[in-house]
């Protein structure tokens, strides 16, 4: 971005639907310096907080391993860039921090994230990811990539 020789090319809507374009974008972003990512982020419109939820949710059925003190297994039934709902009978306190690992379909490497439990129900726990804005964007892109 900082090189004056680089040219800006706008991506068509058809290209945005192409998974290889999304993959190329993610690769390019991960190779940027922190300053370049901040500059790029400054050009992204800030979505208003009019919706109750900051990130759209995706229904799913993913196996997840997670831990606070002991290892536990469960199922992610709901996923967004902001967090997950884990179906489990294990009880935790609201504000407990857990570490979790899960793999999206067609991905080789698991996503590993920490999060804070924000709600307990009889069916499981709602967990808000403890990640940077950049990591939130990457998670959002991966969810979009696998939602089709």
Protein backbone atom coordinates (compact mmCIF):
# COMPACT_ATOMS: atom_id res chain seq x y z
CA UNK A 1 0.00 0.00 0.00
CA UNK A 2 2.76 2.39 0.79
CA UNK A 3 4.48 1.95 -2.57
CA UNK A 4 3.45 4.62 -5.06
CA UNK A 5 3.96 2.05 -7.87
CA UNK A 6 1.08 -0.09 -6.64
CA UNK A 7 -2.21 0.30 -8.46
CA UNK A 8 -5.64 0.02 -6.97
CA UNK A 9 -7.99 -2.36 -8.74
CA UNK A 10 -11.62 -2.56 -7.75
CA UNK A 11 -13.14 -6.01 -7.43
CA UNK A 12 -16.43 -6.72 -9.15
CA UNK A 13 -19.37 -8.19 -7.23
CA UNK A 14 -18.95 -11.44 -9.20
CA UNK A 15 -15.34 -11.69 -8.03
CA UNK A 16 -16.38 -11.15 -4.40
CA UNK A 17 -18.54 -14.26 -4.66
CA UNK A 18 -15.54 -16.26 -5.89
CA UNK A 19 -13.88 -18.22 -3.04
CA UNK A 20 -10.44 -17.94 -4.62
CA UNK A 21 -10.73 -14.13 -4.52
CA UNK A 22 -11.61 -14.23 -0.82
CA UNK A 23 -8.68 -16.57 -0.20
CA UNK A 24 -6.32 -14.21 -2.08
CA UNK A 25 -7.64 -11.24 -0.09
CA UNK A 26 -7.12 -13.04 3.22
CA UNK A 27 -3.59 -14.04 2.21
CA UNK A 28 -2.76 -10.47 1.18
CA UNK A 29 -4.13 -9.04 4.42
CA UNK A 30 -2.22 -11.50 6.61
CA UNK A 31 1.02 -10.54 4.83
CA UNK A 32 0.51 -6.80 5.55
CA UNK A 33 2.25 -4.96 8.33
CA UNK A 34 0.19 -3.73 11.28
CA UNK A 35 0.36 -0.19 9.89
CA UNK A 36 -0.86 -1.32 6.46
CA UNK A 37 -3.76 -3.25 8.04
CA UNK A 38 -4.72 -0.18 10.09
CA UNK A 39 -4.66 1.94 6.96
CA UNK A 40 -6.82 -0.59 5.12
CA UNK A 41 -9.26 -0.79 8.02
CA UNK A 42 -9.62 2.99 8.01
CA UNK A 43 -11.20 2.68 4.54
CA UNK A 44 -13.80 0.15 5.64
CA UNK A 45 -17.15 1.72 6.55
CA UNK A 46 -18.04 1.38 10.22
CA UNK A 47 -21.32 -0.50 10.43
CA UNK A 48 -23.84 1.22 12.68
CA UNK A 49 -24.93 -0.39 15.93
CA UNK A 50 -28.61 -0.31 14.98
CA UNK A 51 -28.79 -4.12 14.91
CA UNK A 52 -28.99 -5.91 18.22
CA UNK A 53 -26.16 -8.20 17.14
CA UNK A 54 -22.86 -6.85 15.94
CA UNK A 55 -22.08 -9.94 13.82
CA UNK A 56 -24.48 -12.13 11.80
CA UNK A 57 -24.78 -15.67 13.11
CA UNK A 58 -24.46 -18.91 11.18
CA UNK A 59 -26.16 -22.11 12.33
CA UNK A 60 -23.77 -25.04 12.32
CA UNK A 61 -22.89 -28.34 13.94
CA UNK A 62 -19.16 -28.34 14.71
CA UNK A 63 -17.31 -30.39 17.29
CA UNK A 64 -15.37 -28.19 19.71
CA UNK A 65 -12.80 -28.93 22.39
CA UNK A 66 -12.60 -26.35 25.14
CA UNK A 67 -11.12 -25.93 28.55
CA UNK A 68 -11.09 -23.79 31.63
CA UNK A 69 -9.57 -26.13 34.20
CA UNK A 70 -10.30 -29.47 32.49
CA UNK A 71 -10.73 -30.51 28.87
CA UNK A 72 -14.34 -30.65 27.66
CA UNK A 73 -16.06 -31.43 24.38
CA UNK A 74 -19.25 -30.03 22.95
CA UNK A 75 -20.91 -28.85 19.76
CA UNK A 76 -20.96 -25.36 18.32
CA UNK A 77 -24.53 -24.85 17.13
CA UNK A 78 -24.19 -21.16 16.37
CA UNK A 79 -21.15 -19.26 15.09
CA UNK A 80 -20.38 -15.61 14.35
CA UNK A 81 -17.26 -13.47 14.11
CA UNK A 82 -18.06 -12.34 17.66
CA UNK A 83 -18.46 -15.71 19.33
CA UNK A 84 -20.15 -19.10 19.54
CA UNK A 85 -22.87 -21.00 21.32
CA UNK A 86 -21.54 -24.31 22.64
CA UNK A 87 -24.03 -27.05 23.39
CA UNK A 88 -22.78 -28.72 26.57
CA UNK A 89 -24.09 -29.96 29.90
CA UNK A 90 -20.94 -28.72 31.64
CA UNK A 91 -21.64 -25.68 33.85
CA UNK A 92 -19.46 -22.59 34.00
CA UNK A 93 -19.74 -19.19 35.60
CA UNK A 94 -20.54 -16.13 33.54
CA UNK A 95 -17.26 -14.26 32.94
CA UNK A 96 -15.17 -17.47 33.03
CA UNK A 97 -12.56 -17.49 30.26
CA UNK A 98 -12.14 -20.64 28.18
CA UNK A 99 -9.82 -21.70 25.40
CA UNK A 100 -11.46 -23.49 22.48
CA UNK A 101 -10.42 -25.30 19.31
CA UNK A 102 -12.64 -26.18 16.35
CA UNK A 103 -12.24 -26.79 12.65
CA UNK A 104 -14.44 -25.32 9.94
CA UNK A 105 -15.53 -27.63 7.10
CA UNK A 106 -12.90 -28.06 4.36
CA UNK A 107 -10.17 -26.48 6.52
CA UNK A 108 -7.07 -28.38 7.60
CA UNK A 109 -6.11 -26.25 10.58
CA UNK A 110 -8.31 -25.67 13.62
CA UNK A 111 -9.26 -22.21 14.82
CA UNK A 112 -7.95 -21.71 18.33
CA UNK A 113 -9.44 -18.85 20.31
CA UNK A 114 -10.10 -17.72 23.84
CA UNK A 115 -13.40 -16.28 24.92
CA UNK A 116 -15.45 -15.16 27.86
CA UNK A 117 -18.68 -16.88 28.82
CA UNK A 118 -21.44 -14.28 28.61
CA UNK A 119 -24.50 -16.49 29.18
CA UNK A 120 -25.43 -19.89 30.61
CA UNK A 121 -28.52 -21.82 29.55
CA UNK A 122 -29.78 -25.34 30.19
CA UNK A 123 -28.49 -26.24 26.70
CA UNK A 124 -25.02 -24.74 26.91
CA UNK A 125 -22.92 -21.57 27.01
CA UNK A 126 -22.63 -18.42 24.91
CA UNK A 127 -19.01 -17.38 24.49
CA UNK A 128 -17.73 -14.04 23.21
CA UNK A 129 -14.37 -14.29 21.44
CA UNK A 130 -11.47 -12.38 22.99
CA UNK A 131 -9.78 -11.40 19.71
CA UNK A 132 -8.52 -8.30 17.94
CA UNK A 133 -10.53 -6.47 15.27
CA UNK A 134 -8.21 -7.96 12.66
CA UNK A 135 -8.83 -11.51 13.93
CA UNK A 136 -12.57 -10.79 14.03
CA UNK A 137 -12.35 -9.84 10.35
CA UNK A 138 -10.50 -13.04 9.52
CA UNK A 139 -13.05 -15.17 11.38
CA UNK A 140 -15.86 -13.33 9.61
CA UNK A 141 -14.22 -13.98 6.23
CA UNK A 142 -13.75 -17.67 7.01
CA UNK A 143 -17.40 -17.97 8.05
CA UNK A 144 -18.47 -16.24 4.82
CA UNK A 145 -16.21 -18.53 2.81
CA UNK A 146 -17.82 -21.63 4.36
CA UNK A 147 -21.43 -20.46 4.50
CA UNK A 148 -22.20 -21.47 0.91
